[in-house]
Amino acid sequence: MIHVTSPENPSGLMWFKSSYSSSSEAGDCVEIAPSLTTIHIRDSKNPGGARLAMAPAAWTAFVGFAAQS
């Protein structure tokens, strides 16, 4: 999977957007910022909005489930 980096935010997290997230709507994507203990998730259209945070094991399980769909 190829990732494209978006600008860092003041928290120091480095956000990534998957190249698989292309759609007819420009910027219609989910971004993630991995850290040692947490995977941070946000909507690329609203980077200052609500965010999710989950343990790496939960993210791995989610990605595995989503890949089967």
N, C-alpha and C. Protein backbone atom coordinates (compact mmCIF):
# COMPACT_ATOMS: atom_id res chain seq x y z
N MET A 1 0.84 -1.17 0.00
CA MET A 1 0.00 0.00 0.00
C MET A 1 0.89 1.23 0.00
N ILE A 2 0.58 2.17 -0.84
CA ILE A 2 1.34 3.41 -0.95
C ILE A 2 0.64 4.47 -0.11
N HIS A 3 1.41 5.23 0.62
CA HIS A 3 0.84 6.30 1.44
C HIS A 3 1.34 7.65 0.96
N VAL A 4 0.47 8.63 1.08
CA VAL A 4 0.83 10.01 0.77
C VAL A 4 0.75 10.79 2.07
N THR A 5 1.76 11.57 2.36
CA THR A 5 1.83 12.31 3.61
C THR A 5 1.12 13.65 3.50
N SER A 6 0.30 13.96 4.48
CA SER A 6 -0.29 15.29 4.59
C SER A 6 0.54 16.08 5.59
N PRO A 7 0.37 17.40 5.66
CA PRO A 7 1.18 18.20 6.58
C PRO A 7 1.01 17.78 8.05
N GLU A 8 2.06 17.94 8.78
CA GLU A 8 1.99 17.65 10.22
C GLU A 8 1.12 18.68 10.91
N ASN A 9 0.48 18.28 11.98
CA ASN A 9 -0.29 19.22 12.78
C ASN A 9 0.52 19.60 14.01
N PRO A 10 0.04 20.55 14.80
CA PRO A 10 0.81 20.99 15.97
C PRO A 10 1.10 19.89 16.99
N SER A 11 0.32 18.80 17.00
CA SER A 11 0.56 17.73 17.97
C SER A 11 1.80 16.91 17.62
N GLY A 12 2.34 17.12 16.42
CA GLY A 12 3.51 16.37 16.01
C GLY A 12 3.21 15.05 15.32
N LEU A 13 1.93 14.73 15.16
CA LEU A 13 1.56 13.50 14.47
C LEU A 13 1.77 13.67 12.97
N MET A 14 2.24 12.63 12.31
CA MET A 14 2.40 12.64 10.86
C MET A 14 1.23 11.86 10.27
N TRP A 15 0.39 12.56 9.53
CA TRP A 15 -0.83 11.96 8.97
C TRP A 15 -0.56 11.39 7.59
N PHE A 16 -1.15 10.23 7.30
CA PHE A 16 -1.00 9.53 6.03
C PHE A 16 -2.36 9.26 5.40
N LYS A 17 -2.40 9.39 4.10
CA LYS A 17 -3.60 9.08 3.35
C LYS A 17 -3.24 8.00 2.34
N SER A 18 -4.02 6.94 2.29
CA SER A 18 -3.74 5.84 1.38
C SER A 18 -4.03 6.23 -0.05
N SER A 19 -3.19 5.75 -0.95
CA SER A 19 -3.44 5.99 -2.38
C SER A 19 -4.66 5.22 -2.86
N TYR A 20 -5.13 4.25 -2.10
CA TYR A 20 -6.33 3.50 -2.44
C TYR A 20 -7.60 4.28 -2.14
N SER A 21 -7.48 5.45 -1.55
CA SER A 21 -8.64 6.22 -1.13
C SER A 21 -9.13 7.19 -2.19
N SER A 22 -8.79 6.98 -3.43
CA SER A 22 -9.25 7.88 -4.48
C SER A 22 -10.75 7.68 -4.69
N SER A 23 -11.42 8.77 -5.03
CA SER A 23 -12.85 8.72 -5.33
C SER A 23 -13.18 9.88 -6.24
N SER A 24 -14.42 9.98 -6.62
CA SER A 24 -14.84 11.09 -7.47
C SER A 24 -14.88 12.41 -6.70
N GLU A 25 -14.91 12.34 -5.39
CA GLU A 25 -14.90 13.53 -4.54
C GLU A 25 -13.47 13.82 -4.10
N ALA A 26 -12.92 14.94 -4.54
CA ALA A 26 -11.55 15.29 -4.16
C ALA A 26 -11.42 15.41 -2.64
N GLY A 27 -10.39 14.80 -2.09
CA GLY A 27 -10.15 14.88 -0.65
C GLY A 27 -11.05 14.01 0.18
N ASP A 28 -11.84 13.14 -0.45
CA ASP A 28 -12.77 12.27 0.26
C ASP A 28 -12.00 11.05 0.76
N CYS A 29 -11.45 11.16 1.97
CA CYS A 29 -10.52 10.13 2.42
C CYS A 29 -10.43 10.11 3.94
N VAL A 30 -9.94 9.00 4.44
CA VAL A 30 -9.60 8.86 5.85
C VAL A 30 -8.08 8.92 5.95
N GLU A 31 -7.57 9.61 6.96
CA GLU A 31 -6.14 9.68 7.20
C GLU A 31 -5.84 9.02 8.54
N ILE A 32 -4.65 8.44 8.66
CA ILE A 32 -4.22 7.88 9.93
C ILE A 32 -2.88 8.47 10.32
N ALA A 33 -2.63 8.48 11.62
CA ALA A 33 -1.34 8.90 12.17
C ALA A 33 -0.95 7.88 13.23
N PRO A 34 -0.06 6.96 12.89
CA PRO A 34 0.34 5.96 13.88
C PRO A 34 1.34 6.53 14.89
N SER A 35 1.20 6.11 16.12
CA SER A 35 2.20 6.40 17.15
C SER A 35 2.55 5.07 17.80
N LEU A 36 3.40 5.07 18.78
CA LEU A 36 3.82 3.81 19.39
C LEU A 36 2.67 3.02 20.00
N THR A 37 1.71 3.71 20.60
CA THR A 37 0.65 3.02 21.34
C THR A 37 -0.75 3.23 20.78
N THR A 38 -0.89 4.09 19.77
CA THR A 38 -2.22 4.47 19.30
C THR A 38 -2.21 4.71 17.79
N ILE A 39 -3.31 4.36 17.14
CA ILE A 39 -3.55 4.74 15.76
C ILE A 39 -4.62 5.83 15.79
N HIS A 40 -4.29 7.01 15.30
CA HIS A 40 -5.20 8.14 15.26
C HIS A 40 -5.84 8.18 13.87
N ILE A 41 -7.15 8.46 13.81
CA ILE A 41 -7.89 8.44 12.55
C ILE A 41 -8.70 9.72 12.44
N ARG A 42 -8.70 10.33 11.23
CA ARG A 42 -9.47 11.55 11.02
C ARG A 42 -9.99 11.60 9.58
N ASP A 43 -10.95 12.47 9.34
CA ASP A 43 -11.51 12.72 8.02
C ASP A 43 -10.62 13.77 7.34
N SER A 44 -10.11 13.46 6.17
CA SER A 44 -9.20 14.39 5.49
C SER A 44 -9.88 15.70 5.11
N LYS A 45 -11.20 15.70 4.96
CA LYS A 45 -11.91 16.93 4.61
C LYS A 45 -12.06 17.85 5.82
N ASN A 46 -11.88 17.32 7.03
CA ASN A 46 -12.06 18.10 8.25
C ASN A 46 -10.94 17.75 9.24
N PRO A 47 -9.69 18.12 8.94
CA PRO A 47 -8.57 17.70 9.78
C PRO A 47 -8.62 18.22 11.22
N GLY A 48 -9.35 19.30 11.46
CA GLY A 48 -9.46 19.81 12.82
C GLY A 48 -10.67 19.28 13.56
N GLY A 49 -11.44 18.42 12.91
CA GLY A 49 -12.67 17.89 13.50
C GLY A 49 -12.42 16.69 14.41
N ALA A 50 -13.48 15.94 14.61
CA ALA A 50 -13.44 14.78 15.50
C ALA A 50 -12.43 13.74 14.99
N ARG A 51 -11.84 13.04 15.92
CA ARG A 51 -10.86 12.00 15.60
C ARG A 51 -11.16 10.76 16.41
N LEU A 52 -10.75 9.64 15.87
CA LEU A 52 -10.81 8.38 16.60
C LEU A 52 -9.40 7.99 17.00
N ALA A 53 -9.29 7.23 18.06
CA ALA A 53 -7.99 6.69 18.48
C ALA A 53 -8.22 5.26 18.93
N MET A 54 -7.36 4.36 18.48
CA MET A 54 -7.50 2.96 18.88
C MET A 54 -6.14 2.31 19.02
N ALA A 55 -6.13 1.20 19.72
CA ALA A 55 -4.90 0.43 19.90
C ALA A 55 -4.49 -0.18 18.56
N PRO A 56 -3.20 -0.36 18.33
CA PRO A 56 -2.75 -0.96 17.07
C PRO A 56 -3.41 -2.31 16.77
N ALA A 57 -3.65 -3.14 17.77
CA ALA A 57 -4.28 -4.44 17.54
C ALA A 57 -5.71 -4.27 17.02
N ALA A 58 -6.43 -3.29 17.54
CA ALA A 58 -7.80 -3.03 17.07
C ALA A 58 -7.77 -2.53 15.63
N TRP A 59 -6.81 -1.68 15.29
CA TRP A 59 -6.68 -1.18 13.91
C TRP A 59 -6.38 -2.33 12.95
N THR A 60 -5.48 -3.21 13.35
CA THR A 60 -5.13 -4.37 12.52
C THR A 60 -6.35 -5.24 12.27
N ALA A 61 -7.15 -5.47 13.31
CA ALA A 61 -8.36 -6.27 13.16
C ALA A 61 -9.36 -5.57 12.24
N PHE A 62 -9.50 -4.26 12.38
CA PHE A 62 -10.41 -3.51 11.51
C PHE A 62 -9.99 -3.58 10.05
N VAL A 63 -8.71 -3.36 9.78
CA VAL A 63 -8.21 -3.39 8.40
C VAL A 63 -8.41 -4.79 7.80
N GLY A 64 -8.16 -5.82 8.58
CA GLY A 64 -8.39 -7.18 8.10
C GLY A 64 -9.84 -7.42 7.76
N PHE A 65 -10.74 -6.93 8.59
CA PHE A 65 -12.18 -7.06 8.33
C PHE A 65 -12.58 -6.28 7.09
N ALA A 66 -12.10 -5.04 6.98
CA ALA A 66 -12.46 -4.19 5.84
C ALA A 66 -11.94 -4.78 4.53
N ALA A 67 -10.80 -5.43 4.55
CA ALA A 67 -10.23 -6.01 3.35
C ALA A 67 -11.07 -7.18 2.83
N GLN A 68 -11.83 -7.81 3.71
CA GLN A 68 -12.68 -8.93 3.31
C GLN A 68 -13.98 -8.46 2.69
N SER A 69 -14.34 -7.22 2.90
CA SER A 69 -15.63 -6.70 2.41
C SER A 69 -15.59 -6.38 0.94
